[in-house]
Amino acid sequence: FRPYIEIGEFARIRDMLSRAVHYCPKQLSVYPYVLSIYAFSLEENNQRDLAESICRQSIAIQPKNPWAFHAMCHVMEEERGAKIGIEFLTSHRNDWKDSIISRHIAWHLMLYYLDLNQIDNLFQEFDDMLVPNLSSENSFALLDASAILWRLNVLGIDPGEKR
């Protein structure tokens, strides 16, 4: 699965996960996660309406499912817009805020704030979610933080001394 991601073979991932969803018993605890990863593969193949539907199905089965929220972030960015993305993520914050990928989901939220020029909200999210987790051992937090700071720099927005 991972090698296909690294080389951008999203159609293969989608096809493989389509079979996994079909054969995975719905009563298994991993089923909502299989749905979530399948939804992400659909989004990456421009099948966003179906991806959104499957994300919502996955969240209905397992509300604290960070992978569904991550896939939904991509759908919102491409199809629904920043305002709806903010509403969705903030209304479900308790379902994703303590997850293994919470900082990355917060990064998507920051992108929505940036899209709407809500810089104070972006900085608050940055300070609350990314700054406490910045360390050389946490490369993903460093990557997300640098990606936000780079965008701010390109736009001529000063993040301030503490960032």
C-alpha atoms as a PDB file:
ATOM      1  CA  PHE A   1       0.000   0.000   0.000  1.00  0.00           C
ATOM      2  CA  ARG A   2       2.633   2.546   1.069  1.00  0.00           C
ATOM      3  CA  PRO A   3       4.871   2.059  -1.997  1.00  0.00           C
ATOM      4  CA  TYR A   4       1.881   2.900  -4.195  1.00  0.00           C
ATOM      5  CA  ILE A   5       1.399   6.164  -2.280  1.00  0.00           C
ATOM      6  CA  GLU A   6       5.054   7.061  -2.668  1.00  0.00           C
ATOM      7  CA  ILE A   7       4.949   6.647  -6.441  1.00  0.00           C
ATOM      8  CA  GLY A   8       1.497   8.197  -6.874  1.00  0.00           C
ATOM      9  CA  GLU A   9      -0.366   5.069  -7.976  1.00  0.00           C
ATOM     10  CA  PHE A  10      -3.675   6.268  -6.554  1.00  0.00           C
ATOM     11  CA  ALA A  11      -5.795   4.358  -9.065  1.00  0.00           C
ATOM     12  CA  ARG A  12      -4.166   1.112  -7.939  1.00  0.00           C
ATOM     13  CA  ILE A  13      -4.706   2.045  -4.302  1.00  0.00           C
ATOM     14  CA  ARG A  14      -8.358   2.812  -4.998  1.00  0.00           C
ATOM     15  CA  ASP A  15      -8.872  -0.486  -6.793  1.00  0.00           C
ATOM     16  CA  MET A  16      -7.092  -2.464  -4.090  1.00  0.00           C
ATOM     17  CA  LEU A  17      -9.089  -0.784  -1.319  1.00  0.00           C
ATOM     18  CA  SER A  18     -12.336  -1.232  -3.213  1.00  0.00           C
ATOM     19  CA  ARG A  19     -11.755  -4.963  -2.959  1.00  0.00           C
ATOM     20  CA  ALA A  20     -10.762  -4.654   0.707  1.00  0.00           C
ATOM     21  CA  VAL A  21     -14.022  -2.822   1.518  1.00  0.00           C
ATOM     22  CA  HIS A  22     -15.999  -5.430  -0.368  1.00  0.00           C
ATOM     23  CA  TYR A  23     -14.435  -8.350   1.507  1.00  0.00           C
ATOM     24  CA  CYS A  24     -13.942  -6.790   4.950  1.00  0.00           C
ATOM     25  CA  PRO A  25     -16.665  -7.939   7.352  1.00  0.00           C
ATOM     26  CA  LYS A  26     -18.604  -4.898   8.530  1.00  0.00           C
ATOM     27  CA  GLN A  27     -18.547  -6.089  12.139  1.00  0.00           C
ATOM     28  CA  LEU A  28     -14.733  -5.937  12.337  1.00  0.00           C
ATOM     29  CA  SER A  29     -13.387  -2.985  14.293  1.00  0.00           C
ATOM     30  CA  VAL A  30     -11.092  -2.068  11.381  1.00  0.00           C
ATOM     31  CA  TYR A  31     -13.956  -1.705   8.908  1.00  0.00           C
ATOM     32  CA  PRO A  32     -14.455   2.070   9.409  1.00  0.00           C
ATOM     33  CA  TYR A  33     -10.719   2.599   8.950  1.00  0.00           C
ATOM     34  CA  VAL A  34     -10.716   0.593   5.726  1.00  0.00           C
ATOM     35  CA  LEU A  35     -13.584   2.803   4.568  1.00  0.00           C
ATOM     36  CA  SER A  36     -11.584   5.918   5.472  1.00  0.00           C
ATOM     37  CA  ILE A  37      -8.507   4.924   3.535  1.00  0.00           C
ATOM     38  CA  TYR A  38     -10.694   3.926   0.615  1.00  0.00           C
ATOM     39  CA  ALA A  39     -12.375   7.344   0.791  1.00  0.00           C
ATOM     40  CA  PHE A  40      -8.966   9.022   0.644  1.00  0.00           C
ATOM     41  CA  SER A  41      -8.065   7.007  -2.438  1.00  0.00           C
ATOM     42  CA  LEU A  42     -11.342   8.031  -4.051  1.00  0.00           C
ATOM     43  CA  GLU A  43     -10.621  11.685  -3.315  1.00  0.00           C
ATOM     44  CA  GLU A  44      -7.177  11.350  -4.849  1.00  0.00           C
ATOM     45  CA  ASN A  45      -8.873   9.964  -7.979  1.00  0.00           C
ATOM     46  CA  ASN A  46     -11.294  12.912  -8.221  1.00  0.00           C
ATOM     47  CA  GLN A  47     -14.271  10.873  -7.017  1.00  0.00           C
ATOM     48  CA  ARG A  48     -14.985  13.362  -4.272  1.00  0.00           C
ATOM     49  CA  ASP A  49     -18.746  12.971  -3.885  1.00  0.00           C
ATOM     50  CA  LEU A  50     -18.351   9.251  -3.288  1.00  0.00           C
ATOM     51  CA  ALA A  51     -15.357   9.930  -1.017  1.00  0.00           C
ATOM     52  CA  GLU A  52     -17.419  12.328   1.092  1.00  0.00           C
ATOM     53  CA  SER A  53     -20.272   9.850   1.365  1.00  0.00           C
ATOM     54  CA  ILE A  54     -17.925   7.079   2.486  1.00  0.00           C
ATOM     55  CA  CYS A  55     -16.210   9.393   4.993  1.00  0.00           C
ATOM     56  CA  ARG A  56     -19.561  10.233   6.525  1.00  0.00           C
ATOM     57  CA  GLN A  57     -20.456   6.537   6.648  1.00  0.00           C
ATOM     58  CA  SER A  58     -17.148   5.773   8.353  1.00  0.00           C
ATOM     59  CA  ILE A  59     -17.624   8.573  10.900  1.00  0.00           C
ATOM     60  CA  ALA A  60     -21.151   7.354  11.627  1.00  0.00           C
ATOM     61  CA  ILE A  61     -19.738   3.919  12.501  1.00  0.00           C
ATOM     62  CA  GLN A  62     -16.666   5.204  14.382  1.00  0.00           C
ATOM     63  CA  PRO A  63     -16.836   8.932  15.262  1.00  0.00           C
ATOM     64  CA  LYS A  64     -13.262   9.064  16.585  1.00  0.00           C
ATOM     65  CA  ASN A  65     -11.771   8.096  13.251  1.00  0.00           C
ATOM     66  CA  PRO A  66      -8.937  10.461  12.319  1.00  0.00           C
ATOM     67  CA  TRP A  67      -8.413   8.907   8.912  1.00  0.00           C
ATOM     68  CA  ALA A  68     -11.986   9.742   7.898  1.00  0.00           C
ATOM     69  CA  PHE A  69     -11.470  13.321   9.036  1.00  0.00           C
ATOM     70  CA  HIS A  70      -8.236  13.517   7.086  1.00  0.00           C
ATOM     71  CA  ALA A  71      -9.882  12.280   3.904  1.00  0.00           C
ATOM     72  CA  MET A  72     -12.744  14.708   4.512  1.00  0.00           C
ATOM     73  CA  CYS A  73     -10.215  17.570   4.816  1.00  0.00           C
ATOM     74  CA  HIS A  74      -9.139  16.862   1.258  1.00  0.00           C
ATOM     75  CA  VAL A  75     -12.722  16.676   0.027  1.00  0.00           C
ATOM     76  CA  MET A  76     -13.579  19.961   1.746  1.00  0.00           C
ATOM     77  CA  GLU A  77     -10.522  21.681   0.298  1.00  0.00           C
ATOM     78  CA  GLU A  78     -11.372  20.615  -3.240  1.00  0.00           C
ATOM     79  CA  GLU A  79     -15.169  20.678  -3.254  1.00  0.00           C
ATOM     80  CA  ARG A  80     -16.819  22.426  -0.316  1.00  0.00           C
ATOM     81  CA  GLY A  81     -14.514  25.320   0.478  1.00  0.00           C
ATOM     82  CA  ALA A  82     -12.761  26.717   3.505  1.00  0.00           C
ATOM     83  CA  LYS A  83     -15.839  27.995   5.336  1.00  0.00           C
ATOM     84  CA  ILE A  84     -17.542  24.601   5.292  1.00  0.00           C
ATOM     85  CA  GLY A  85     -14.228  22.902   6.091  1.00  0.00           C
ATOM     86  CA  ILE A  86     -13.833  25.085   9.197  1.00  0.00           C
ATOM     87  CA  GLU A  87     -17.401  24.414  10.292  1.00  0.00           C
ATOM     88  CA  PHE A  88     -16.957  20.680   9.823  1.00  0.00           C
ATOM     89  CA  LEU A  89     -13.622  20.352  11.616  1.00  0.00           C
ATOM     90  CA  THR A  90     -14.441  22.671  14.503  1.00  0.00           C
ATOM     91  CA  SER A  91     -17.808  21.010  15.107  1.00  0.00           C
ATOM     92  CA  HIS A  92     -16.083  17.610  15.280  1.00  0.00           C
ATOM     93  CA  ARG A  93     -12.905  18.731  17.079  1.00  0.00           C
ATOM     94  CA  ASN A  94     -13.468  16.383  20.022  1.00  0.00           C
ATOM     95  CA  ASP A  95     -13.518  13.447  17.612  1.00  0.00           C
ATOM     96  CA  TRP A  96     -10.075  14.143  16.131  1.00  0.00           C
ATOM     97  CA  LYS A  97      -8.139  16.425  18.515  1.00  0.00           C
ATOM     98  CA  ASP A  98      -6.447  13.618  20.472  1.00  0.00           C
ATOM     99  CA  SER A  99      -5.671  11.372  17.513  1.00  0.00           C
ATOM    100  CA  ILE A 100      -2.325  10.330  16.139  1.00  0.00           C
ATOM    101  CA  ILE A 101      -2.753  12.741  13.203  1.00  0.00           C
ATOM    102  CA  SER A 102      -4.459  15.585  15.074  1.00  0.00           C
ATOM    103  CA  ARG A 103      -1.691  18.047  14.251  1.00  0.00           C
ATOM    104  CA  HIS A 104      -1.993  17.305  10.565  1.00  0.00           C
ATOM    105  CA  ILE A 105      -5.775  17.686  10.667  1.00  0.00           C
ATOM    106  CA  ALA A 106      -5.191  21.001  12.469  1.00  0.00           C
ATOM    107  CA  TRP A 107      -2.805  21.924   9.630  1.00  0.00           C
ATOM    108  CA  HIS A 108      -5.666  21.462   7.177  1.00  0.00           C
ATOM    109  CA  LEU A 109      -7.809  23.671   9.428  1.00  0.00           C
ATOM    110  CA  MET A 110      -5.039  26.295   9.311  1.00  0.00           C
ATOM    111  CA  LEU A 111      -5.097  26.154   5.521  1.00  0.00           C
ATOM    112  CA  TYR A 112      -8.823  26.920   5.619  1.00  0.00           C
ATOM    113  CA  TYR A 113      -8.175  29.872   7.938  1.00  0.00           C
ATOM    114  CA  LEU A 114      -5.485  31.077   5.564  1.00  0.00           C
ATOM    115  CA  ASP A 115      -7.858  30.780   2.594  1.00  0.00           C
ATOM    116  CA  LEU A 116     -10.324  33.065   4.410  1.00  0.00           C
ATOM    117  CA  ASN A 117      -7.595  35.401   5.691  1.00  0.00           C
ATOM    118  CA  GLN A 118      -8.459  34.517   9.303  1.00  0.00           C
ATOM    119  CA  ILE A 119      -4.847  34.881  10.362  1.00  0.00           C
ATOM    120  CA  ASP A 120      -5.542  35.269  14.097  1.00  0.00           C
ATOM    121  CA  ASN A 121      -7.387  31.923  14.071  1.00  0.00           C
ATOM    122  CA  LEU A 122      -4.543  30.367  12.101  1.00  0.00           C
ATOM    123  CA  PHE A 123      -1.978  31.584  14.662  1.00  0.00           C
ATOM    124  CA  GLN A 124      -4.097  30.343  17.563  1.00  0.00           C
ATOM    125  CA  GLU A 125      -4.361  26.885  15.987  1.00  0.00           C
ATOM    126  CA  PHE A 126      -0.648  26.930  15.193  1.00  0.00           C
ATOM    127  CA  ASP A 127       0.255  27.840  18.774  1.00  0.00           C
ATOM    128  CA  ASP A 128      -2.169  25.352  20.322  1.00  0.00           C
ATOM    129  CA  MET A 129      -1.647  22.334  18.072  1.00  0.00           C
ATOM    130  CA  LEU A 130       1.763  22.557  16.406  1.00  0.00           C
ATOM    131  CA  VAL A 131       4.095  24.487  18.698  1.00  0.00           C
ATOM    132  CA  PRO A 132       3.735  22.130  21.703  1.00  0.00           C
ATOM    133  CA  ASN A 133       4.723  19.198  19.488  1.00  0.00           C
ATOM    134  CA  LEU A 134       7.700  20.644  17.658  1.00  0.00           C
ATOM    135  CA  SER A 135      10.820  18.567  18.165  1.00  0.00           C
ATOM    136  CA  SER A 136      13.449  16.928  16.035  1.00  0.00           C
ATOM    137  CA  GLU A 137      11.767  13.581  16.774  1.00  0.00           C
ATOM    138  CA  ASN A 138       8.442  14.722  15.323  1.00  0.00           C
ATOM    139  CA  SER A 139       9.217  15.287  11.653  1.00  0.00           C
ATOM    140  CA  PHE A 140       5.554  15.470  10.630  1.00  0.00           C
ATOM    141  CA  ALA A 141       4.851  18.348  13.039  1.00  0.00           C
ATOM    142  CA  LEU A 142       7.975  20.113  11.752  1.00  0.00           C
ATOM    143  CA  LEU A 143       6.848  19.575   8.176  1.00  0.00           C
ATOM    144  CA  ASP A 144       3.353  20.925   8.838  1.00  0.00           C
ATOM    145  CA  ALA A 145       4.710  23.913  10.782  1.00  0.00           C
ATOM    146  CA  SER A 146       7.241  24.784   8.089  1.00  0.00           C
ATOM    147  CA  ALA A 147       4.579  24.432   5.382  1.00  0.00           C
ATOM    148  CA  ILE A 148       2.361  26.967   7.152  1.00  0.00           C
ATOM    149  CA  LEU A 149       5.258  29.352   7.850  1.00  0.00           C
ATOM    150  CA  TRP A 150       6.383  29.120   4.213  1.00  0.00           C
ATOM    151  CA  ARG A 151       2.888  30.037   2.984  1.00  0.00           C
ATOM    152  CA  LEU A 152       2.761  32.990   5.381  1.00  0.00           C
ATOM    153  CA  ASN A 153       6.175  34.123   4.161  1.00  0.00           C
ATOM    154  CA  VAL A 154       5.121  33.919   0.510  1.00  0.00           C
ATOM    155  CA  LEU A 155       2.068  36.033   1.349  1.00  0.00           C
ATOM    156  CA  GLY A 156       4.189  38.579   3.235  1.00  0.00           C
ATOM    157  CA  ILE A 157       2.553  37.787   6.588  1.00  0.00           C
ATOM    158  CA  ASP A 158       4.883  38.055   9.575  1.00  0.00           C
ATOM    159  CA  PRO A 159       4.312  35.166  11.996  1.00  0.00           C
ATOM    160  CA  GLY A 160       5.999  37.036  14.825  1.00  0.00           C
ATOM    161  CA  GLU A 161       9.133  36.308  16.815  1.00  0.00           C
ATOM    162  CA  LYS A 162       7.806  33.368  18.838  1.00  0.00           C
ATOM    163  CA  ARG A 163       7.067  31.327  15.718  1.00  0.00           C
END
